[in-house]
C-alpha atoms as a PDB file:
ATOM      1  CA  MET A   1      59.281 -43.487 195.547  1.00  0.00           C
ATOM      2  CA  PRO A   2      60.122 -39.998 196.828  1.00  0.00           C
ATOM      3  CA  LEU A   3      63.472 -38.457 195.984  1.00  0.00           C
ATOM      4  CA  PRO A   4      65.272 -35.580 197.707  1.00  0.00           C
ATOM      5  CA  LYS A   5      64.764 -32.204 196.031  1.00  0.00           C
ATOM      6  CA  LYS A   6      68.364 -31.132 196.668  1.00  0.00           C
ATOM      7  CA  LYS A   7      71.647 -32.894 197.244  1.00  0.00           C
ATOM      8  CA  ALA A   8      72.571 -33.228 200.912  1.00  0.00           C
ATOM      9  CA  SER A   9      75.809 -31.337 201.484  1.00  0.00           C
ATOM     10  CA  LYS A  10      78.987 -32.987 202.743  1.00  0.00           C
ATOM     11  CA  GLN A  11      78.694 -31.074 205.992  1.00  0.00           C
ATOM     12  CA  ARG A  12      75.135 -32.271 206.626  1.00  0.00           C
ATOM     13  CA  ARG A  13      76.095 -35.856 205.788  1.00  0.00           C
ATOM     14  CA  ARG A  14      79.137 -35.745 208.072  1.00  0.00           C
ATOM     15  CA  LYS A  15      77.087 -34.280 210.938  1.00  0.00           C
ATOM     16  CA  ARG A  16      74.735 -37.232 210.692  1.00  0.00           C
ATOM     17  CA  LYS A  17      77.583 -39.782 210.647  1.00  0.00           C
ATOM     18  CA  THR A  18      79.512 -38.397 213.645  1.00  0.00           C
ATOM     19  CA  HIS A  19      77.747 -40.821 215.979  1.00  0.00           C
ATOM     20  CA  TYR A  20      78.937 -43.939 214.123  1.00  0.00           C
ATOM     21  CA  LYS A  21      82.338 -44.561 215.708  1.00  0.00           C
ATOM     22  CA  ALA A  22      84.519 -47.593 216.248  1.00  0.00           C
ATOM     23  CA  GLU A  23      84.655 -48.632 219.892  1.00  0.00           C
ATOM     24  CA  ALA A  24      87.536 -50.294 221.672  1.00  0.00           C
ATOM     25  CA  PRO A  25      86.774 -53.936 222.473  1.00  0.00           C
ATOM     26  CA  SER A  26      85.857 -54.593 226.091  1.00  0.00           C
ATOM     27  CA  LEU A  27      88.363 -56.700 228.001  1.00  0.00           C
ATOM     28  CA  THR A  28      88.292 -58.515 231.340  1.00  0.00           C
ATOM     29  CA  LYS A  29      91.026 -60.071 233.461  1.00  0.00           C
ATOM     30  CA  CYS A  30      91.653 -63.797 233.238  1.00  0.00           C
ATOM     31  CA  SER A  31      90.942 -65.422 236.614  1.00  0.00           C
ATOM     32  CA  HIS A  32      93.974 -67.705 236.207  1.00  0.00           C
ATOM     33  CA  CYS A  33      96.802 -65.594 234.737  1.00  0.00           C
ATOM     34  CA  HIS A  34      95.291 -62.090 235.195  1.00  0.00           C
ATOM     35  CA  GLN A  35      96.015 -61.093 231.583  1.00  0.00           C
ATOM     36  CA  PRO A  36      93.392 -59.110 229.613  1.00  0.00           C
ATOM     37  CA  LYS A  37      91.042 -61.265 227.530  1.00  0.00           C
ATOM     38  CA  PRO A  38      87.665 -60.846 225.785  1.00  0.00           C
ATOM     39  CA  PRO A  39      84.709 -61.625 228.052  1.00  0.00           C
ATOM     40  CA  HIS A  40      83.108 -65.089 227.698  1.00  0.00           C
ATOM     41  CA  ALA A  41      86.110 -66.416 225.763  1.00  0.00           C
ATOM     42  CA  VAL A  42      89.028 -68.755 226.409  1.00  0.00           C
ATOM     43  CA  CYS A  43      92.134 -66.890 227.551  1.00  0.00           C
ATOM     44  CA  PRO A  44      94.608 -66.780 224.641  1.00  0.00           C
ATOM     45  CA  ASN A  45      97.522 -66.611 227.093  1.00  0.00           C
ATOM     46  CA  CYS A  46      96.890 -69.609 229.387  1.00  0.00           C
ATOM     47  CA  GLY A  47      93.971 -71.472 227.760  1.00  0.00           C
ATOM     48  CA  TYR A  48      91.705 -71.369 230.827  1.00  0.00           C
ATOM     49  CA  TYR A  49      87.955 -70.670 230.848  1.00  0.00           C
ATOM     50  CA  ALA A  50      85.703 -70.686 233.927  1.00  0.00           C
ATOM     51  CA  GLY A  51      88.509 -71.944 236.166  1.00  0.00           C
ATOM     52  CA  ARG A  52      89.553 -74.971 234.127  1.00  0.00           C
ATOM     53  CA  GLU A  53      91.992 -75.571 231.268  1.00  0.00           C
ATOM     54  CA  VAL A  54      90.090 -75.880 228.005  1.00  0.00           C
ATOM     55  CA  VAL A  55      92.835 -75.435 225.405  1.00  0.00           C
ATOM     56  CA  LYS A  56      96.547 -76.116 225.619  1.00  0.00           C
ATOM     57  CA  PRO A  57      98.341 -72.773 225.146  1.00  0.00           C
ATOM     58  CA  LYS A  58     100.695 -72.458 222.195  1.00  0.00           C
ATOM     59  CA  VAL A  59     104.295 -72.559 223.374  1.00  0.00           C
ATOM     60  CA  GLU A  60     106.720 -70.400 221.441  1.00  0.00           C
ATOM     61  CA  GLU A  61     109.651 -72.465 220.196  1.00  0.00           C
ATOM     62  CA  GLY A  62     113.250 -71.258 220.154  1.00  0.00           C
ATOM     63  CA  LYS A  63     113.859 -68.366 217.800  1.00  0.00           C
ATOM     64  CA  GLY A  64     116.933 -70.025 216.212  1.00  0.00           C
ATOM     65  CA  LYS A  65     115.041 -73.056 214.929  1.00  0.00           C
ATOM     66  CA  GLY A  66     113.176 -73.294 211.655  1.00  0.00           C
ATOM     67  CA  LYS A  67     113.843 -71.563 208.366  1.00  0.00           C
ATOM     68  CA  GLY A  68     116.618 -69.024 208.039  1.00  0.00           C
ATOM     69  CA  LYS A  69     120.339 -68.809 208.404  1.00  0.00           C
ATOM     70  CA  SER A  70     122.070 -71.387 210.569  1.00  0.00           C
ATOM     71  CA  LYS A  71     125.281 -70.625 212.429  1.00  0.00           C
ATOM     72  CA  SER A  72     126.679 -74.174 212.353  1.00  0.00           C
ATOM     73  CA  LYS A  73     129.733 -74.736 210.142  1.00  0.00           C
END
């Protein structure tokens, strides 16, 4: 198997890798709540897909409930 005669410099390696970049995910508007969502996916905000409710959205409960300090004496 052939091997390179000389080490490729950092500059040459970095020039080659400049085209490999992270892209921002594409988003579309939900037809029901008009919030941004990934295309071809259930809306995480309202739970609708293709005009009908597929998943019940998670409702945030009161912030005072659950673990933590309670103010009752």
